[in-house]
Amino acid sequence: MGDPASRSPRPPDPGPAQPPAAPAPQRRPIDADQVVIVDVTGWPLAEFDTIRDGVFIEVLAGPDGAPPHPVGGRPAQTATMWATMRVYWKTVQRIQNLSRGVAARHSRDPHPRRPQSASPADPWYWPGPLPPTPTRYPAGMVPQLRELRALRAMAFHMAADRPALRQAVAAALARLHAQFPDWTFTARFGTAADGDAADRLP
């Protein structure tokens, strides 16, 4: 028999077997239509036509779809004017109101009228903020506001396609990239009814 002091120590008891770790939850893709961001009174601040795979999609006809000016018959807006208003400024307002809103609803949900007067004699008088009204749509159809705020991609799908429009939209996207560097903006031209496009701009 050897010396007990020279024997190797007994390995510690590992104890009962541990169950395997649960897989990490998969983040569901965000798909929705006609989502409205509202303020504390329920008044709409911004509307998003479509969300597919976590990308805001705005479907636009383009300046070619605008009616001509009644005097002279010329287009009411040039491609630059249209892109500045519909692509640049509308997007700036949507992104800013996305952070200012308090809830997200479907566009068909009823919403109260914003108070127009502080006088009790006015028919639109309301003494204070209105409580939020519950949505009529089931859970999951309208994403949570925190989910929408986490998105950082927006695509513009335009039916029109001509060189002047491409140039104007590219300039608008460049301004958006400079103002919101953590966002991704893309544009597709000549979109068909099924969502296909002839070409796109990064």
N, C-alpha and C. Protein backbone atom coordinates (compact mmCIF):
# COMPACT_ATOMS: atom_id res chain seq x y z
N MET A 1 0.84 -1.20 0.00
CA MET A 1 0.00 0.00 0.00
C MET A 1 0.87 1.24 0.00
N GLY A 2 0.52 2.17 -0.83
CA GLY A 2 1.32 3.38 -0.92
C GLY A 2 0.97 4.37 0.15
N ASP A 3 1.76 5.39 0.16
CA ASP A 3 1.54 6.46 1.12
C ASP A 3 0.26 7.22 0.75
N PRO A 4 -0.73 7.39 1.71
CA PRO A 4 -1.97 8.14 1.36
C PRO A 4 -1.69 9.55 0.90
N ALA A 5 -0.61 10.17 1.36
CA ALA A 5 -0.34 11.55 0.96
C ALA A 5 0.07 11.63 -0.50
N SER A 6 0.57 10.49 -1.07
CA SER A 6 1.02 10.52 -2.45
C SER A 6 -0.08 10.20 -3.46
N ARG A 7 -1.27 9.83 -2.97
CA ARG A 7 -2.36 9.51 -3.87
C ARG A 7 -2.92 10.78 -4.55
N SER A 8 -3.37 10.66 -5.82
CA SER A 8 -3.95 11.79 -6.55
C SER A 8 -5.29 12.16 -5.95
N PRO A 9 -5.62 13.45 -5.88
CA PRO A 9 -6.91 13.86 -5.28
C PRO A 9 -8.08 13.38 -6.13
N ARG A 10 -9.16 13.10 -5.45
CA ARG A 10 -10.36 12.64 -6.13
C ARG A 10 -11.04 13.80 -6.84
N PRO A 11 -11.40 13.64 -8.10
CA PRO A 11 -12.06 14.75 -8.81
C PRO A 11 -13.38 15.10 -8.16
N PRO A 12 -13.75 16.36 -8.18
CA PRO A 12 -15.02 16.76 -7.54
C PRO A 12 -16.21 16.15 -8.26
N ASP A 13 -17.26 15.93 -7.49
CA ASP A 13 -18.48 15.36 -8.04
C ASP A 13 -19.17 16.41 -8.92
N PRO A 14 -19.38 16.09 -10.21
CA PRO A 14 -20.03 17.10 -11.08
C PRO A 14 -21.48 17.36 -10.76
N GLY A 15 -22.09 16.50 -9.95
CA GLY A 15 -23.48 16.71 -9.61
C GLY A 15 -24.42 16.23 -10.71
N PRO A 16 -25.70 16.47 -10.55
CA PRO A 16 -26.66 16.00 -11.57
C PRO A 16 -26.44 16.71 -12.91
N ALA A 17 -26.75 16.01 -13.96
CA ALA A 17 -26.58 16.56 -15.31
C ALA A 17 -27.49 17.76 -15.51
N GLN A 18 -26.93 18.80 -16.11
CA GLN A 18 -27.70 20.02 -16.36
C GLN A 18 -28.45 19.90 -17.70
N PRO A 19 -29.69 20.37 -17.74
CA PRO A 19 -30.42 20.32 -19.03
C PRO A 19 -29.77 21.24 -20.05
N PRO A 20 -29.86 20.92 -21.32
CA PRO A 20 -29.25 21.79 -22.35
C PRO A 20 -29.88 23.18 -22.34
N ALA A 21 -29.07 24.16 -22.65
CA ALA A 21 -29.56 25.54 -22.66
C ALA A 21 -30.60 25.73 -23.75
N ALA A 22 -31.61 26.51 -23.42
CA ALA A 22 -32.67 26.77 -24.40
C ALA A 22 -32.12 27.64 -25.52
N PRO A 23 -32.53 27.38 -26.75
CA PRO A 23 -32.04 28.21 -27.86
C PRO A 23 -32.50 29.65 -27.71
N ALA A 24 -31.69 30.57 -28.19
CA ALA A 24 -32.05 31.98 -28.12
C ALA A 24 -33.30 32.25 -28.96
N PRO A 25 -34.21 33.04 -28.46
CA PRO A 25 -35.43 33.31 -29.24
C PRO A 25 -35.10 34.03 -30.54
N GLN A 26 -35.77 33.59 -31.59
CA GLN A 26 -35.57 34.20 -32.89
C GLN A 26 -36.42 35.46 -33.00
N ARG A 27 -35.80 36.54 -33.47
CA ARG A 27 -36.52 37.78 -33.63
C ARG A 27 -37.41 37.71 -34.87
N ARG A 28 -38.69 37.90 -34.64
CA ARG A 28 -39.63 37.75 -35.75
C ARG A 28 -39.50 38.93 -36.71
N PRO A 29 -39.63 38.67 -38.01
CA PRO A 29 -39.60 39.79 -38.96
C PRO A 29 -40.83 40.66 -38.79
N ILE A 30 -40.66 41.94 -38.99
CA ILE A 30 -41.76 42.88 -38.82
C ILE A 30 -42.41 43.13 -40.17
N ASP A 31 -43.63 42.69 -40.32
CA ASP A 31 -44.43 42.91 -41.52
C ASP A 31 -45.75 43.54 -41.09
N ALA A 32 -46.12 44.63 -41.70
CA ALA A 32 -47.37 45.31 -41.36
C ALA A 32 -47.75 46.24 -42.49
N ASP A 33 -48.99 46.70 -42.46
CA ASP A 33 -49.51 47.63 -43.45
C ASP A 33 -50.29 48.73 -42.75
N GLN A 34 -50.18 49.93 -43.30
CA GLN A 34 -50.97 51.08 -42.86
C GLN A 34 -50.83 51.31 -41.34
N VAL A 35 -49.59 51.49 -40.92
CA VAL A 35 -49.29 51.74 -39.51
C VAL A 35 -49.24 53.24 -39.29
N VAL A 36 -49.91 53.70 -38.25
CA VAL A 36 -49.97 55.12 -37.92
C VAL A 36 -49.34 55.34 -36.56
N ILE A 37 -48.48 56.36 -36.46
CA ILE A 37 -47.90 56.79 -35.19
C ILE A 37 -48.76 57.93 -34.65
N VAL A 38 -49.19 57.82 -33.39
CA VAL A 38 -50.11 58.81 -32.82
C VAL A 38 -49.48 59.47 -31.60
N ASP A 39 -50.03 60.67 -31.25
CA ASP A 39 -49.56 61.37 -30.06
C ASP A 39 -50.44 61.02 -28.87
N VAL A 40 -50.30 61.76 -27.77
CA VAL A 40 -51.03 61.42 -26.54
C VAL A 40 -52.53 61.61 -26.69
N THR A 41 -52.97 62.41 -27.64
CA THR A 41 -54.40 62.60 -27.86
C THR A 41 -54.97 61.62 -28.87
N GLY A 42 -54.13 60.77 -29.45
CA GLY A 42 -54.59 59.85 -30.47
C GLY A 42 -54.52 60.42 -31.86
N TRP A 43 -54.01 61.63 -32.01
CA TRP A 43 -53.94 62.27 -33.32
C TRP A 43 -52.78 61.68 -34.12
N PRO A 44 -52.99 61.34 -35.41
CA PRO A 44 -51.91 60.74 -36.19
C PRO A 44 -50.80 61.73 -36.50
N LEU A 45 -49.56 61.29 -36.30
CA LEU A 45 -48.37 62.09 -36.60
C LEU A 45 -47.68 61.64 -37.87
N ALA A 46 -47.67 60.34 -38.12
CA ALA A 46 -46.99 59.80 -39.30
C ALA A 46 -47.64 58.49 -39.67
N GLU A 47 -47.64 58.19 -40.96
CA GLU A 47 -48.21 56.93 -41.46
C GLU A 47 -47.19 56.25 -42.35
N PHE A 48 -47.09 54.94 -42.19
CA PHE A 48 -46.20 54.12 -43.00
C PHE A 48 -47.06 53.14 -43.80
N ASP A 49 -46.93 53.19 -45.12
CA ASP A 49 -47.76 52.37 -45.99
C ASP A 49 -47.56 50.89 -45.74
N THR A 50 -46.31 50.46 -45.80
CA THR A 50 -46.00 49.03 -45.74
C THR A 50 -44.69 48.82 -45.02
N ILE A 51 -44.60 47.73 -44.27
CA ILE A 51 -43.36 47.29 -43.64
C ILE A 51 -43.16 45.83 -44.00
N ARG A 52 -42.05 45.53 -44.64
CA ARG A 52 -41.75 44.17 -45.06
C ARG A 52 -40.33 43.82 -44.62
N ASP A 53 -40.23 42.73 -43.84
CA ASP A 53 -38.93 42.26 -43.35
C ASP A 53 -38.15 43.37 -42.66
N GLY A 54 -38.86 44.20 -41.91
CA GLY A 54 -38.20 45.25 -41.16
C GLY A 54 -37.78 46.45 -41.98
N VAL A 55 -38.36 46.63 -43.16
CA VAL A 55 -38.05 47.77 -44.02
C VAL A 55 -39.32 48.57 -44.26
N PHE A 56 -39.27 49.87 -43.96
CA PHE A 56 -40.39 50.75 -44.31
C PHE A 56 -40.40 50.91 -45.83
N ILE A 57 -41.56 50.73 -46.44
CA ILE A 57 -41.70 50.85 -47.90
C ILE A 57 -42.76 51.90 -48.20
N GLU A 58 -42.37 52.91 -48.98
CA GLU A 58 -43.30 53.94 -49.42
C GLU A 58 -43.51 53.78 -50.92
N VAL A 59 -44.76 53.56 -51.32
CA VAL A 59 -45.11 53.38 -52.72
C VAL A 59 -45.57 54.72 -53.27
N LEU A 60 -44.88 55.21 -54.30
CA LEU A 60 -45.15 56.53 -54.85
C LEU A 60 -45.34 56.43 -56.36
N ALA A 61 -46.23 57.27 -56.88
CA ALA A 61 -46.45 57.28 -58.32
C ALA A 61 -45.35 58.05 -59.05
N GLY A 62 -44.84 59.09 -58.41
CA GLY A 62 -43.87 59.94 -59.07
C GLY A 62 -44.52 61.19 -59.62
N PRO A 63 -43.74 62.17 -60.01
CA PRO A 63 -44.32 63.44 -60.50
C PRO A 63 -45.12 63.26 -61.78
N ASP A 64 -44.89 62.18 -62.53
CA ASP A 64 -45.66 61.97 -63.76
C ASP A 64 -47.13 61.71 -63.46
N GLY A 65 -47.43 61.26 -62.25
CA GLY A 65 -48.82 60.98 -61.91
C GLY A 65 -49.58 62.18 -61.42
N ALA A 66 -48.90 63.33 -61.23
CA ALA A 66 -49.58 64.53 -60.76
C ALA A 66 -50.33 65.20 -61.91
N PRO A 67 -51.50 65.77 -61.64
CA PRO A 67 -52.23 66.46 -62.71
C PRO A 67 -51.49 67.70 -63.17
N PRO A 68 -51.58 68.07 -64.44
CA PRO A 68 -50.88 69.26 -64.93
C PRO A 68 -51.50 70.53 -64.35
N HIS A 69 -50.71 71.59 -64.38
CA HIS A 69 -51.19 72.87 -63.89
C HIS A 69 -52.32 73.35 -64.78
N PRO A 70 -53.41 73.90 -64.18
CA PRO A 70 -54.55 74.31 -65.01
C PRO A 70 -54.22 75.42 -66.00
N VAL A 71 -53.17 76.20 -65.73
CA VAL A 71 -52.77 77.27 -66.63
C VAL A 71 -51.52 76.85 -67.37
N GLY A 72 -51.62 76.67 -68.64
CA GLY A 72 -50.47 76.29 -69.46
C GLY A 72 -50.31 74.81 -69.66
N GLY A 73 -50.89 73.98 -68.79
CA GLY A 73 -50.83 72.54 -68.97
C GLY A 73 -49.50 71.91 -68.60
N ARG A 74 -48.58 72.66 -68.03
CA ARG A 74 -47.30 72.10 -67.65
C ARG A 74 -47.43 71.34 -66.32
N PRO A 75 -46.48 70.42 -66.05
CA PRO A 75 -46.54 69.71 -64.77
C PRO A 75 -46.51 70.67 -63.60
N ALA A 76 -47.30 70.38 -62.59
CA ALA A 76 -47.37 71.25 -61.43
C ALA A 76 -46.07 71.24 -60.64
N GLN A 77 -45.29 70.15 -60.72
CA GLN A 77 -44.03 70.04 -60.00
C GLN A 77 -42.96 69.48 -60.91
N THR A 78 -41.77 69.99 -60.77
CA THR A 78 -40.64 69.38 -61.45
C THR A 78 -40.19 68.16 -60.66
N ALA A 79 -39.32 67.36 -61.26
CA ALA A 79 -38.83 66.17 -60.56
C ALA A 79 -38.08 66.54 -59.29
N THR A 80 -37.33 67.64 -59.34
CA THR A 80 -36.59 68.08 -58.16
C THR A 80 -37.54 68.53 -57.06
N MET A 81 -38.55 69.30 -57.42
CA MET A 81 -39.52 69.75 -56.41
C MET A 81 -40.24 68.57 -55.79
N TRP A 82 -40.63 67.62 -56.63
CA TRP A 82 -41.37 66.45 -56.13
C TRP A 82 -40.50 65.62 -55.20
N ALA A 83 -39.26 65.33 -55.59
CA ALA A 83 -38.38 64.51 -54.77
C ALA A 83 -38.04 65.20 -53.46
N THR A 84 -37.86 66.52 -53.50
CA THR A 84 -37.56 67.25 -52.28
C THR A 84 -38.70 67.15 -51.28
N MET A 85 -39.93 67.28 -51.77
CA MET A 85 -41.08 67.25 -50.87
C MET A 85 -41.47 65.83 -50.47
N ARG A 86 -41.65 64.95 -51.45
CA ARG A 86 -42.20 63.63 -51.16
C ARG A 86 -41.17 62.65 -50.63
N VAL A 87 -39.94 62.75 -51.07
CA VAL A 87 -38.92 61.80 -50.63
C VAL A 87 -38.14 62.35 -49.43
N TYR A 88 -37.65 63.58 -49.55
CA TYR A 88 -36.80 64.11 -48.47
C TYR A 88 -37.62 64.60 -47.28
N TRP A 89 -38.45 65.65 -47.48
CA TRP A 89 -39.12 66.26 -46.34
C TRP A 89 -40.12 65.33 -45.67
N LYS A 90 -40.87 64.56 -46.45
CA LYS A 90 -41.82 63.62 -45.84
C LYS A 90 -41.10 62.58 -44.99
N THR A 91 -39.93 62.14 -45.45
CA THR A 91 -39.17 61.15 -44.68
C THR A 91 -38.61 61.76 -43.41
N VAL A 92 -38.12 62.99 -43.49
CA VAL A 92 -37.62 63.67 -42.28
C VAL A 92 -38.74 63.77 -41.25
N GLN A 93 -39.92 64.16 -41.68
CA GLN A 93 -41.04 64.28 -40.76
C GLN A 93 -41.42 62.94 -40.16
N ARG A 94 -41.43 61.89 -40.98
CA ARG A 94 -41.80 60.57 -40.47
C ARG A 94 -40.79 60.08 -39.42
N ILE A 95 -39.51 60.24 -39.69
CA ILE A 95 -38.51 59.76 -38.75
C ILE A 95 -38.57 60.56 -37.44
N GLN A 96 -38.75 61.87 -37.54
CA GLN A 96 -38.84 62.68 -36.33
C GLN A 96 -40.10 62.35 -35.53
N ASN A 97 -41.22 62.17 -36.21
CA ASN A 97 -42.46 61.85 -35.50
C ASN A 97 -42.45 60.42 -34.96
N LEU A 98 -41.61 59.56 -35.53
CA LEU A 98 -41.48 58.21 -34.99
C LEU A 98 -40.95 58.24 -33.57
N SER A 99 -40.07 59.20 -33.28
CA SER A 99 -39.54 59.34 -31.93
C SER A 99 -40.45 60.16 -31.02
N ARG A 100 -41.33 60.97 -31.61
CA ARG A 100 -42.22 61.81 -30.80
C ARG A 100 -43.51 61.10 -30.43
N GLY A 101 -43.92 60.10 -31.20
CA GLY A 101 -45.18 59.43 -30.95
C GLY A 101 -45.17 58.62 -29.67
N VAL A 102 -46.37 58.24 -29.24
CA VAL A 102 -46.51 57.47 -28.00
C VAL A 102 -47.09 56.08 -28.25
N ALA A 103 -47.61 55.82 -29.45
CA ALA A 103 -48.20 54.52 -29.73
C ALA A 103 -48.30 54.33 -31.24
N ALA A 104 -48.49 53.08 -31.64
CA ALA A 104 -48.70 52.73 -33.05
C ALA A 104 -50.05 52.05 -33.20
N ARG A 105 -50.78 52.44 -34.22
CA ARG A 105 -52.12 51.88 -34.47
C ARG A 105 -52.28 51.61 -35.95
N HIS A 106 -53.34 50.89 -36.26
CA HIS A 106 -53.71 50.70 -37.66
C HIS A 106 -54.45 51.95 -38.14
N SER A 107 -54.27 52.26 -39.42
CA SER A 107 -54.88 53.49 -39.94
C SER A 107 -56.39 53.46 -39.90
N ARG A 108 -57.00 52.28 -39.82
CA ARG A 108 -58.47 52.21 -39.79
C ARG A 108 -59.03 52.28 -38.39
N ASP A 109 -58.16 52.33 -37.40
CA ASP A 109 -58.65 52.50 -36.04
C ASP A 109 -59.22 53.90 -35.86
N PRO A 110 -60.32 54.03 -35.13
CA PRO A 110 -60.85 55.39 -34.90
C PRO A 110 -59.93 56.17 -33.99
N HIS A 111 -59.82 57.45 -34.25
CA HIS A 111 -59.01 58.31 -33.40
C HIS A 111 -59.80 59.58 -33.13
N PRO A 112 -59.66 60.14 -31.93
CA PRO A 112 -60.39 61.36 -31.60
C PRO A 112 -59.83 62.56 -32.35
N ARG A 113 -60.67 63.55 -32.49
CA ARG A 113 -60.23 64.78 -33.13
C ARG A 113 -59.39 65.60 -32.17
N ARG A 114 -58.30 66.17 -32.68
CA ARG A 114 -57.45 67.00 -31.83
C ARG A 114 -58.24 68.23 -31.36
N PRO A 115 -58.14 68.58 -30.08
CA PRO A 115 -58.84 69.79 -29.61
C PRO A 115 -58.39 71.03 -30.38
N GLN A 116 -59.35 71.81 -30.85
CA GLN A 116 -59.06 73.00 -31.65
C GLN A 116 -59.18 74.29 -30.86
N SER A 117 -59.73 74.22 -29.67
CA SER A 117 -59.95 75.45 -28.92
C SER A 117 -59.90 75.15 -27.44
N ALA A 118 -59.46 76.14 -26.65
CA ALA A 118 -59.44 76.02 -25.20
C ALA A 118 -60.69 76.61 -24.56
N SER A 119 -61.62 77.07 -25.37
CA SER A 119 -62.84 77.68 -24.84
C SER A 119 -63.92 76.62 -24.66
N PRO A 120 -64.54 76.53 -23.47
CA PRO A 120 -65.61 75.54 -23.28
C PRO A 120 -66.79 75.77 -24.20
N ALA A 121 -66.96 76.98 -24.74
CA ALA A 121 -68.09 77.25 -25.63
C ALA A 121 -67.85 76.69 -27.02
N ASP A 122 -66.61 76.31 -27.35
CA ASP A 122 -66.31 75.80 -28.69
C ASP A 122 -66.71 74.33 -28.77
N PRO A 123 -67.34 73.90 -29.88
CA PRO A 123 -67.77 72.49 -29.98
C PRO A 123 -66.61 71.52 -29.97
N TRP A 124 -65.39 71.98 -30.31
CA TRP A 124 -64.24 71.07 -30.33
C TRP A 124 -63.39 71.19 -29.07
N TYR A 125 -63.95 71.84 -28.04
CA TYR A 125 -63.21 71.99 -26.79
C TYR A 125 -63.05 70.64 -26.09
N TRP A 126 -61.85 70.42 -25.54
CA TRP A 126 -61.62 69.24 -24.70
C TRP A 126 -60.70 69.65 -23.56
N PRO A 127 -61.04 69.32 -22.32
CA PRO A 127 -60.29 69.86 -21.18
C PRO A 127 -58.88 69.31 -21.02
N GLY A 128 -58.57 68.19 -21.59
CA GLY A 128 -57.24 67.62 -21.39
C GLY A 128 -56.96 66.50 -22.37
N PRO A 129 -55.80 65.83 -22.25
CA PRO A 129 -55.47 64.73 -23.16
C PRO A 129 -56.49 63.61 -23.09
N LEU A 130 -56.77 63.02 -24.23
CA LEU A 130 -57.72 61.92 -24.28
C LEU A 130 -57.02 60.61 -23.94
N PRO A 131 -57.69 59.71 -23.23
CA PRO A 131 -57.07 58.41 -22.93
C PRO A 131 -56.92 57.61 -24.22
N PRO A 132 -55.90 56.77 -24.30
CA PRO A 132 -55.73 55.97 -25.52
C PRO A 132 -56.87 54.98 -25.70
N THR A 133 -57.35 54.86 -26.93
CA THR A 133 -58.42 53.92 -27.24
C THR A 133 -57.81 52.60 -27.67
N PRO A 134 -58.36 51.47 -27.23
CA PRO A 134 -57.78 50.18 -27.60
C PRO A 134 -57.95 49.92 -29.10
N THR A 135 -56.97 49.26 -29.67
CA THR A 135 -57.04 48.96 -31.09
C THR A 135 -58.09 47.89 -31.36
N ARG A 136 -58.69 47.95 -32.55
CA ARG A 136 -59.69 46.95 -32.94
C ARG A 136 -59.04 45.77 -33.64
N TYR A 137 -57.74 45.78 -33.78
CA TYR A 137 -57.05 44.73 -34.51
C TYR A 137 -56.32 43.81 -33.55
N PRO A 138 -56.20 42.52 -33.87
CA PRO A 138 -55.57 41.58 -32.94
C PRO A 138 -54.09 41.88 -32.73
N ALA A 139 -53.56 41.38 -31.62
CA ALA A 139 -52.16 41.61 -31.30
C ALA A 139 -51.27 41.01 -32.37
N GLY A 140 -50.23 41.72 -32.73
CA GLY A 140 -49.31 41.25 -33.74
C GLY A 140 -49.52 41.88 -35.10
N MET A 141 -50.75 42.36 -35.40
CA MET A 141 -50.99 42.99 -36.69
C MET A 141 -50.32 44.35 -36.75
N VAL A 142 -50.32 45.07 -35.64
CA VAL A 142 -49.65 46.37 -35.56
C VAL A 142 -48.43 46.21 -34.65
N PRO A 143 -47.23 46.42 -35.15
CA PRO A 143 -46.04 46.26 -34.30
C PRO A 143 -46.03 47.26 -33.16
N GLN A 144 -45.29 46.90 -32.13
CA GLN A 144 -45.10 47.82 -31.01
C GLN A 144 -44.24 49.00 -31.45
N LEU A 145 -44.45 50.14 -30.80
CA LEU A 145 -43.71 51.34 -31.17
C LEU A 145 -42.20 51.13 -30.97
N ARG A 146 -41.82 50.40 -29.93
CA ARG A 146 -40.39 50.15 -29.71
C ARG A 146 -39.80 49.31 -30.84
N GLU A 147 -40.59 48.43 -31.43
CA GLU A 147 -40.11 47.65 -32.56
C GLU A 147 -39.93 48.53 -33.79
N LEU A 148 -40.84 49.45 -34.01
CA LEU A 148 -40.73 50.34 -35.15
C LEU A 148 -39.55 51.28 -35.00
N ARG A 149 -39.29 51.74 -33.81
CA ARG A 149 -38.16 52.64 -33.59
C ARG A 149 -36.82 51.95 -33.80
N ALA A 150 -36.79 50.63 -33.70
CA ALA A 150 -35.54 49.89 -33.90
C ALA A 150 -35.21 49.70 -35.38
N LEU A 151 -36.16 49.94 -36.27
CA LEU A 151 -35.91 49.75 -37.70
C LEU A 151 -35.07 50.90 -38.23
N ARG A 152 -34.24 50.59 -39.21
CA ARG A 152 -33.34 51.60 -39.76
C ARG A 152 -33.20 51.49 -41.28
N ALA A 153 -34.28 51.13 -41.94
CA ALA A 153 -34.22 51.00 -43.40
C ALA A 153 -35.54 51.47 -44.00
N MET A 154 -35.44 52.22 -45.10
CA MET A 154 -36.62 52.70 -45.81
C MET A 154 -36.37 52.62 -47.30
N ALA A 155 -37.38 52.12 -48.01
CA ALA A 155 -37.29 51.97 -49.46
C ALA A 155 -38.43 52.72 -50.12
N PHE A 156 -38.15 53.33 -51.25
CA PHE A 156 -39.15 54.07 -52.02
C PHE A 156 -39.38 53.32 -53.33
N HIS A 157 -40.61 52.92 -53.57
CA HIS A 157 -40.97 52.21 -54.80
C HIS A 157 -41.80 53.17 -55.66
N MET A 158 -41.26 53.53 -56.81
CA MET A 158 -41.91 54.51 -57.68
C MET A 158 -42.29 53.89 -59.01
N ALA A 159 -43.50 54.18 -59.45
CA ALA A 159 -43.94 53.67 -60.74
C ALA A 159 -43.25 54.39 -61.89
N ALA A 160 -42.98 55.68 -61.71
CA ALA A 160 -42.33 56.46 -62.76
C ALA A 160 -40.86 56.10 -62.86
N ASP A 161 -40.30 56.34 -64.03
CA ASP A 161 -38.88 56.07 -64.24
C ASP A 161 -38.39 56.90 -65.43
N ARG A 162 -37.64 57.94 -65.13
CA ARG A 162 -37.01 58.76 -66.17
C ARG A 162 -35.75 59.39 -65.59
N PRO A 163 -34.80 59.79 -66.44
CA PRO A 163 -33.51 60.28 -65.94
C PRO A 163 -33.62 61.43 -64.95
N ALA A 164 -34.49 62.40 -65.21
CA ALA A 164 -34.61 63.54 -64.31
C ALA A 164 -35.09 63.10 -62.93
N LEU A 165 -36.01 62.15 -62.90
CA LEU A 165 -36.52 61.66 -61.62
C LEU A 165 -35.43 60.90 -60.87
N ARG A 166 -34.66 60.07 -61.55
CA ARG A 166 -33.58 59.34 -60.89
C ARG A 166 -32.57 60.30 -60.28
N GLN A 167 -32.22 61.33 -61.01
CA GLN A 167 -31.25 62.29 -60.51
C GLN A 167 -31.79 63.03 -59.30
N ALA A 168 -33.05 63.43 -59.35
CA ALA A 168 -33.65 64.16 -58.23
C ALA A 168 -33.78 63.28 -56.99
N VAL A 169 -34.18 62.03 -57.18
CA VAL A 169 -34.31 61.12 -56.04
C VAL A 169 -32.95 60.80 -55.45
N ALA A 170 -31.93 60.61 -56.31
CA ALA A 170 -30.58 60.36 -55.80
C ALA A 170 -30.10 61.51 -54.92
N ALA A 171 -30.40 62.75 -55.32
CA ALA A 171 -30.02 63.90 -54.51
C ALA A 171 -30.77 63.91 -53.18
N ALA A 172 -32.05 63.55 -53.21
CA ALA A 172 -32.83 63.49 -51.97
C ALA A 172 -32.30 62.41 -51.04
N LEU A 173 -31.94 61.25 -51.60
CA LEU A 173 -31.40 60.17 -50.77
C LEU A 173 -30.06 60.56 -50.17
N ALA A 174 -29.25 61.31 -50.92
CA ALA A 174 -27.96 61.76 -50.39
C ALA A 174 -28.17 62.68 -49.19
N ARG A 175 -29.17 63.55 -49.24
CA ARG A 175 -29.46 64.42 -48.10
C ARG A 175 -29.94 63.61 -46.91
N LEU A 176 -30.74 62.59 -47.16
CA LEU A 176 -31.22 61.74 -46.07
C LEU A 176 -30.07 60.97 -45.43
N HIS A 177 -29.18 60.43 -46.26
CA HIS A 177 -28.02 59.71 -45.73
C HIS A 177 -27.17 60.62 -44.85
N ALA A 178 -27.00 61.87 -45.26
CA ALA A 178 -26.19 62.80 -44.48
C ALA A 178 -26.86 63.16 -43.16
N GLN A 179 -28.18 63.28 -43.17
CA GLN A 179 -28.89 63.69 -41.96
C GLN A 179 -29.13 62.51 -41.01
N PHE A 180 -29.31 61.31 -41.57
CA PHE A 180 -29.56 60.11 -40.76
C PHE A 180 -28.55 59.03 -41.16
N PRO A 181 -27.30 59.14 -40.71
CA PRO A 181 -26.27 58.20 -41.17
C PRO A 181 -26.48 56.77 -40.73
N ASP A 182 -27.29 56.54 -39.69
CA ASP A 182 -27.52 55.17 -39.24
C ASP A 182 -28.70 54.51 -39.96
N TRP A 183 -29.29 55.19 -40.92
CA TRP A 183 -30.39 54.64 -41.71
C TRP A 183 -29.88 54.22 -43.08
N THR A 184 -30.64 53.31 -43.71
CA THR A 184 -30.38 52.89 -45.09
C THR A 184 -31.58 53.28 -45.94
N PHE A 185 -31.34 54.03 -47.02
CA PHE A 185 -32.39 54.49 -47.92
C PHE A 185 -32.12 53.96 -49.32
N THR A 186 -33.13 53.38 -49.93
CA THR A 186 -33.01 52.88 -51.29
C THR A 186 -34.22 53.32 -52.09
N ALA A 187 -34.09 53.28 -53.41
CA ALA A 187 -35.19 53.66 -54.31
C ALA A 187 -35.25 52.67 -55.45
N ARG A 188 -36.48 52.34 -55.84
CA ARG A 188 -36.72 51.45 -56.98
C ARG A 188 -37.63 52.17 -57.96
N PHE A 189 -37.33 52.02 -59.21
CA PHE A 189 -38.07 52.73 -60.26
C PHE A 189 -38.74 51.74 -61.20
N GLY A 190 -39.85 52.22 -61.80
CA GLY A 190 -40.57 51.36 -62.72
C GLY A 190 -41.18 50.15 -62.05
N THR A 191 -41.65 50.33 -60.83
CA THR A 191 -42.20 49.20 -60.09
C THR A 191 -43.52 48.75 -60.71
N ALA A 192 -43.70 47.45 -60.78
CA ALA A 192 -44.94 46.86 -61.30
C ALA A 192 -45.88 46.57 -60.15
N ALA A 193 -47.04 46.05 -60.49
CA ALA A 193 -48.04 45.78 -59.46
C ALA A 193 -47.58 44.71 -58.48
N ASP A 194 -46.71 43.80 -58.94
CA ASP A 194 -46.25 42.72 -58.07
C ASP A 194 -45.02 43.11 -57.26
N GLY A 195 -44.60 44.37 -57.38
CA GLY A 195 -43.47 44.85 -56.61
C GLY A 195 -42.14 44.73 -57.30
N ASP A 196 -42.08 44.14 -58.51
CA ASP A 196 -40.83 44.06 -59.24
C ASP A 196 -40.40 45.45 -59.70
N ALA A 197 -39.15 45.60 -59.97
CA ALA A 197 -38.64 46.89 -60.40
C ALA A 197 -37.58 46.68 -61.46
N ALA A 198 -37.47 47.64 -62.35
CA ALA A 198 -36.47 47.56 -63.41
C ALA A 198 -35.09 47.87 -62.88
N ASP A 199 -34.98 48.77 -61.90
CA ASP A 199 -33.67 49.16 -61.40
C ASP A 199 -33.86 49.79 -60.03
N ARG A 200 -32.74 50.04 -59.36
CA ARG A 200 -32.83 50.60 -58.02
C ARG A 200 -31.63 51.49 -57.77
N LEU A 201 -31.78 52.37 -56.77
CA LEU A 201 -30.68 53.22 -56.31
C LEU A 201 -30.35 52.84 -54.88
N PRO A 202 -29.05 52.75 -54.54
CA PRO A 202 -28.70 52.46 -53.15
C PRO A 202 -28.99 53.64 -52.25
